[in-house]
């Protein structure tokens, strides 16, 4: 059984405000019910949280010269996933599940956008990355994440090895990071939510800003003694992306990525539920089915 994930971020203001205006600037959301719209917002924000955590993991790796076996691909995935799982906070558990949902849905629908740089972006999933994240998840809680791990292609006969490896992974990262952890407020963050340059991104920019995704990241990482002030910026980029720039000391989250995730989950919800609930059910055992016990 998957654990019951609750909505963590308040989106009532969006649900009440969007139906009257969103058809003009977010046509992919036009036919969603209020409940589906709220699920969509939750999904967008969960993926945004995971995306920025992933880039924050790259920031830790570069600032602290942490071992990086494969140019940041699996290392950043593993570090971000470990930090989020070890926090034992439901909003972070939900974010991880939302992210793995997006990988699955993007590949199964053929909607993954072209994306070349950076090569190992959070937006470029593959089966090996699925299996690594699934291994972390069942290593932490095989009952809570088992159904999702199977969906992600991790054979059940490998779960025991993941359970053995998980505490070793946690201990390794803890040892590598402990000398860099001081007290909350040690590192300062310059947070900016820039206006969207495209009216079709306005709703997604509002979701990100009002949920204070970047503020959450600043709070969670402020105790690390980084090399200096870090800029956290949400803005229009011209492409769906989230990235860390060591040169600029900046983590950037692109509103286009929020739109990608919003349209991805909206299409899934409409295809599986329909406007009148008369479409055949094709539920998958993931956080897409928020509030249901499977």
Protein backbone atom coordinates (compact mmCIF):
# COMPACT_ATOMS: atom_id res chain seq x y z
CA UNK A 1 0.00 0.00 0.00
CA UNK A 2 1.21 3.47 -0.78
CA UNK A 3 1.09 5.86 2.12
CA UNK A 4 -1.74 8.39 2.04
CA UNK A 5 -0.31 11.63 0.82
CA UNK A 6 -2.13 14.76 1.87
CA UNK A 7 -2.16 18.11 0.13
CA UNK A 8 0.55 20.17 1.80
CA UNK A 9 0.45 23.50 0.07
CA UNK A 10 -2.70 25.60 0.21
CA UNK A 11 -4.11 26.16 -3.26
CA UNK A 12 -7.65 27.23 -2.45
CA UNK A 13 -7.00 30.73 -3.75
CA UNK A 14 -5.95 29.32 -7.12
CA UNK A 15 -8.88 26.96 -7.39
CA UNK A 16 -11.27 29.82 -6.76
CA UNK A 17 -9.50 32.33 -8.96
CA UNK A 18 -8.48 30.29 -11.98
CA UNK A 19 -11.75 29.00 -13.49
CA UNK A 20 -12.89 32.47 -14.53
CA UNK A 21 -9.64 33.39 -16.26
CA UNK A 22 -7.47 30.40 -16.96
CA UNK A 23 -9.14 29.40 -20.24
CA UNK A 24 -7.66 32.48 -21.87
CA UNK A 25 -4.06 31.84 -20.82
CA UNK A 26 -3.86 28.14 -19.89
CA UNK A 27 -6.06 26.25 -22.35
CA UNK A 28 -4.68 22.87 -21.23
CA UNK A 29 -6.36 23.44 -17.85
CA UNK A 30 -9.68 24.60 -19.28
CA UNK A 31 -11.65 21.36 -18.91
CA UNK A 32 -10.38 20.38 -15.47
CA UNK A 33 -12.79 20.16 -12.57
CA UNK A 34 -11.92 22.08 -9.42
CA UNK A 35 -10.60 18.88 -7.87
CA UNK A 36 -8.48 18.10 -10.92
CA UNK A 37 -7.20 21.66 -10.98
CA UNK A 38 -6.08 21.34 -7.38
CA UNK A 39 -4.35 18.04 -8.19
CA UNK A 40 -2.61 19.79 -11.07
CA UNK A 41 -1.36 22.60 -8.85
CA UNK A 42 -0.12 20.08 -6.28
CA UNK A 43 1.69 18.17 -9.02
CA UNK A 44 3.34 21.29 -10.44
CA UNK A 45 4.53 22.41 -7.01
CA UNK A 46 5.76 18.95 -6.01
CA UNK A 47 7.83 18.74 -9.17
CA UNK A 48 9.14 22.26 -8.64
CA UNK A 49 10.27 21.36 -5.12
CA UNK A 50 12.06 18.24 -6.35
CA UNK A 51 13.62 20.11 -9.27
CA UNK A 52 15.09 22.81 -7.07
CA UNK A 53 16.28 20.25 -4.50
CA UNK A 54 18.02 18.42 -7.34
CA UNK A 55 19.84 21.60 -8.35
CA UNK A 56 20.62 22.38 -4.71
CA UNK A 57 22.28 18.96 -4.52
CA UNK A 58 24.47 19.99 -7.47
CA UNK A 59 25.28 23.17 -5.54
CA UNK A 60 26.45 21.17 -2.51
CA UNK A 61 28.52 18.87 -4.71
CA UNK A 62 30.31 21.77 -6.40
CA UNK A 63 30.76 24.01 -3.33
CA UNK A 64 32.06 21.21 -1.11
CA UNK A 65 33.94 19.28 -3.84
CA UNK A 66 31.98 16.14 -3.00
CA UNK A 67 32.74 12.90 -4.84
CA UNK A 68 30.90 12.99 -8.14
CA UNK A 69 31.17 9.68 -9.95
CA UNK A 70 29.34 10.48 -13.16
CA UNK A 71 29.25 14.22 -13.87
CA UNK A 72 26.36 14.85 -11.51
CA UNK A 73 23.76 12.61 -13.08
CA UNK A 74 23.18 9.88 -10.52
CA UNK A 75 25.11 11.63 -7.75
CA UNK A 76 22.77 14.62 -7.61
CA UNK A 77 19.74 12.34 -7.86
CA UNK A 78 20.99 10.25 -4.96
CA UNK A 79 21.97 13.19 -2.76
CA UNK A 80 18.72 15.08 -3.34
CA UNK A 81 16.64 11.95 -2.77
CA UNK A 82 18.51 11.04 0.40
CA UNK A 83 18.18 14.53 1.91
CA UNK A 84 14.46 14.62 1.11
CA UNK A 85 13.70 11.14 2.41
CA UNK A 86 15.74 11.60 5.60
CA UNK A 87 13.90 14.83 6.41
CA UNK A 88 10.83 12.69 7.20
CA UNK A 89 8.52 15.48 6.07
CA UNK A 90 5.42 14.55 4.15
CA UNK A 91 5.64 17.49 1.75
CA UNK A 92 9.07 16.27 0.64
CA UNK A 93 7.87 12.67 0.32
CA UNK A 94 5.06 13.95 -1.86
CA UNK A 95 7.49 15.96 -4.00
CA UNK A 96 9.61 12.87 -4.71
CA UNK A 97 6.56 10.88 -5.74
CA UNK A 98 5.30 13.73 -7.94
CA UNK A 99 8.68 13.83 -9.66
CA UNK A 100 8.79 10.10 -10.34
CA UNK A 101 5.21 10.32 -11.61
CA UNK A 102 6.30 12.98 -14.09
CA UNK A 103 9.11 10.79 -15.42
CA UNK A 104 6.73 7.89 -15.93
CA UNK A 105 3.97 9.97 -17.50
CA UNK A 106 6.33 11.90 -19.78
CA UNK A 107 7.86 8.75 -21.22
CA UNK A 108 4.60 6.84 -21.52
CA UNK A 109 2.91 9.75 -23.29
CA UNK A 110 5.91 10.63 -25.46
CA UNK A 111 5.72 14.21 -24.21
CA UNK A 112 9.29 14.63 -22.94
CA UNK A 113 10.54 17.84 -24.60
CA UNK A 114 13.84 18.07 -26.43
CA UNK A 115 16.48 18.99 -23.93
CA UNK A 116 20.22 19.07 -24.51
CA UNK A 117 21.79 21.32 -21.87
CA UNK A 118 22.59 20.65 -19.15
CA UNK A 119 22.73 17.01 -20.20
CA UNK A 120 21.85 15.61 -16.79
CA UNK A 121 18.96 17.89 -16.00
CA UNK A 122 16.11 16.87 -13.75
CA UNK A 123 14.10 16.88 -16.98
CA UNK A 124 16.04 14.05 -18.62
CA UNK A 125 14.96 10.87 -16.85
CA UNK A 126 15.84 7.38 -17.96
CA UNK A 127 15.17 3.89 -16.67
CA UNK A 128 18.46 3.71 -14.76
CA UNK A 129 17.59 6.91 -12.87
CA UNK A 130 14.10 5.54 -12.17
CA UNK A 131 15.58 2.41 -10.65
CA UNK A 132 18.07 4.33 -8.53
CA UNK A 133 15.36 6.56 -7.07
CA UNK A 134 13.08 3.57 -6.55
CA UNK A 135 15.89 1.77 -4.72
CA UNK A 136 16.32 4.73 -2.38
CA UNK A 137 12.60 4.86 -1.75
CA UNK A 138 12.11 1.18 -0.93
CA UNK A 139 15.35 1.26 1.05
CA UNK A 140 13.72 3.89 3.23
CA UNK A 141 10.20 2.38 3.30
CA UNK A 142 9.43 -0.68 1.21
CA UNK A 143 5.81 -0.82 2.36
CA UNK A 144 5.12 2.83 1.61
CA UNK A 145 6.87 2.94 -1.77
CA UNK A 146 6.65 -0.65 -2.97
CA UNK A 147 3.91 -0.21 -5.58
CA UNK A 148 5.66 2.81 -7.02
CA UNK A 149 9.02 1.01 -7.13
CA UNK A 150 7.49 -1.81 -9.16
CA UNK A 151 5.98 0.71 -11.54
CA UNK A 152 9.42 2.28 -11.92
CA UNK A 153 10.90 -1.05 -12.99
CA UNK A 154 12.71 -2.13 -9.84
CA UNK A 155 12.31 -5.93 -9.48
CA UNK A 156 11.06 -7.05 -6.10
CA UNK A 157 13.98 -9.42 -5.67
CA UNK A 158 16.26 -6.36 -5.52
CA UNK A 159 14.41 -4.66 -2.68
CA UNK A 160 16.35 -6.41 0.07
CA UNK A 161 19.65 -5.17 -1.35
CA UNK A 162 18.19 -1.65 -1.43
CA UNK A 163 17.15 -1.95 2.23
CA UNK A 164 20.71 -2.96 3.12
CA UNK A 165 22.29 -0.23 0.99
CA UNK A 166 20.07 2.64 2.11
CA UNK A 167 21.48 3.20 5.62
CA UNK A 168 24.98 2.97 4.15
CA UNK A 169 24.09 5.65 1.60
CA UNK A 170 22.64 7.86 4.34
CA UNK A 171 25.74 7.41 6.50
CA UNK A 172 28.05 8.19 3.58
CA UNK A 173 26.33 11.46 2.73
CA UNK A 174 26.05 12.38 6.40
CA UNK A 175 29.78 11.95 6.85
CA UNK A 176 30.54 13.99 3.73
CA UNK A 177 28.24 16.85 4.73
CA UNK A 178 28.53 17.03 8.51
CA UNK A 179 31.55 19.35 8.56
CA UNK A 180 29.67 21.81 6.31
CA UNK A 181 26.55 22.06 8.48
CA UNK A 182 26.57 24.96 10.95
CA UNK A 183 23.35 26.64 12.04
CA UNK A 184 20.25 27.98 10.26
CA UNK A 185 20.98 31.30 8.62
CA UNK A 186 24.66 30.58 7.98
CA UNK A 187 24.22 31.01 4.23
CA UNK A 188 22.16 33.87 2.82
CA UNK A 189 19.89 33.47 -0.17
CA UNK A 190 18.73 36.18 -2.56
CA UNK A 191 15.23 35.10 -3.63
CA UNK A 192 13.52 36.51 -6.71
CA UNK A 193 10.26 35.54 -8.40
CA UNK A 194 10.42 37.47 -11.66
CA UNK A 195 7.28 38.31 -13.64
CA UNK A 196 6.55 35.89 -16.46
CA UNK A 197 7.39 37.30 -19.88
CA UNK A 198 4.70 35.21 -21.55
CA UNK A 199 1.01 35.53 -20.57
CA UNK A 200 0.67 31.77 -21.07
CA UNK A 201 3.09 31.33 -18.14
CA UNK A 202 1.34 33.73 -15.76
CA UNK A 203 -0.70 31.07 -13.97
CA UNK A 204 2.32 28.84 -13.53
CA UNK A 205 4.42 31.73 -12.23
CA UNK A 206 1.65 32.45 -9.72
CA UNK A 207 1.64 28.83 -8.55
CA UNK A 208 5.39 28.91 -7.94
CA UNK A 209 5.43 32.32 -6.28
CA UNK A 210 2.42 31.83 -4.01
CA UNK A 211 3.62 28.42 -2.85
CA UNK A 212 7.01 29.99 -1.99
CA UNK A 213 9.02 27.13 -3.48
CA UNK A 214 12.29 29.07 -3.42
CA UNK A 215 11.70 30.25 0.16
CA UNK A 216 11.31 26.61 1.21
CA UNK A 217 14.64 25.75 -0.39
CA UNK A 218 16.37 28.69 1.29
CA UNK A 219 15.03 27.58 4.66
CA UNK A 220 16.13 23.97 4.21
CA UNK A 221 19.66 24.77 2.98
CA UNK A 222 20.54 27.85 5.01
CA UNK A 223 22.48 25.84 7.61
CA UNK A 224 25.09 24.73 5.06
CA UNK A 225 28.27 26.81 5.04
CA UNK A 226 28.40 27.48 1.32
CA UNK A 227 30.99 29.58 -0.48
CA UNK A 228 28.82 32.69 -0.42
CA UNK A 229 25.38 34.10 -1.01
CA UNK A 230 23.25 32.06 -3.42
CA UNK A 231 20.66 33.51 -5.77
CA UNK A 232 17.40 31.59 -6.10
CA UNK A 233 15.52 32.80 -9.17
CA UNK A 234 12.22 31.79 -10.74
CA UNK A 235 11.77 33.26 -14.21
CA UNK A 236 10.90 32.71 -17.87
CA UNK A 237 13.77 30.96 -19.68
CA UNK A 238 12.40 30.11 -23.09
CA UNK A 239 12.60 26.38 -22.32
CA UNK A 240 11.52 24.02 -19.51
CA UNK A 241 14.49 23.72 -17.16
CA UNK A 242 15.95 24.07 -13.69
CA UNK A 243 19.69 24.50 -13.26
CA UNK A 244 22.55 25.47 -10.95
CA UNK A 245 25.23 27.86 -12.20
CA UNK A 246 28.43 27.67 -10.18
CA UNK A 247 29.79 30.76 -11.94
CA UNK A 248 26.78 32.92 -11.12
CA UNK A 249 26.07 31.15 -7.82
CA UNK A 250 22.47 30.84 -8.85
CA UNK A 251 19.76 28.19 -8.94
CA UNK A 252 17.21 29.01 -11.62
CA UNK A 253 13.74 27.51 -11.90
CA UNK A 254 12.01 28.14 -15.22
CA UNK A 255 8.28 28.76 -15.41
CA UNK A 256 8.24 26.73 -18.62
CA UNK A 257 9.02 23.67 -16.50
CA UNK A 258 5.94 24.36 -14.38
CA UNK A 259 3.87 24.63 -17.56
CA UNK A 260 5.30 21.35 -18.86
CA UNK A 261 4.33 19.54 -15.66
CA UNK A 262 0.94 21.23 -15.50
CA UNK A 263 0.02 20.25 -19.04
CA UNK A 264 1.42 16.73 -18.53
CA UNK A 265 -0.73 15.93 -15.51
CA UNK A 266 -3.79 17.77 -16.86
CA UNK A 267 -3.73 15.59 -19.98
CA UNK A 268 -3.43 12.48 -17.84
CA UNK A 269 -6.30 13.47 -15.55
CA UNK A 270 -8.59 14.27 -18.46
CA UNK A 271 -7.69 11.04 -20.27
CA UNK A 272 -8.28 8.82 -17.26
CA UNK A 273 -11.23 10.52 -15.58
CA UNK A 274 -13.08 12.45 -18.29
CA UNK A 275 -15.38 15.37 -17.66
CA UNK A 276 -18.27 13.22 -16.43
CA UNK A 277 -16.32 10.40 -14.89
CA UNK A 278 -17.48 8.00 -17.63
CA UNK A 279 -14.04 7.29 -19.10
CA UNK A 280 -12.44 3.95 -18.17
CA UNK A 281 -10.23 4.14 -15.12
CA UNK A 282 -6.51 3.79 -15.81
CA UNK A 283 -5.17 4.71 -12.41
CA UNK A 284 -1.53 4.14 -11.67
CA UNK A 285 -0.33 3.62 -8.08
CA UNK A 286 1.32 6.97 -7.63
CA UNK A 287 0.67 10.38 -6.18
CA UNK A 288 -1.36 11.19 -9.28
CA UNK A 289 -4.15 9.61 -7.22
CA UNK A 290 -3.70 11.93 -4.26
CA UNK A 291 -6.02 11.21 -1.34
CA UNK A 292 -6.70 7.62 -2.36
CA UNK A 293 -5.41 4.51 -0.67
CA UNK A 294 -4.38 1.87 -3.18
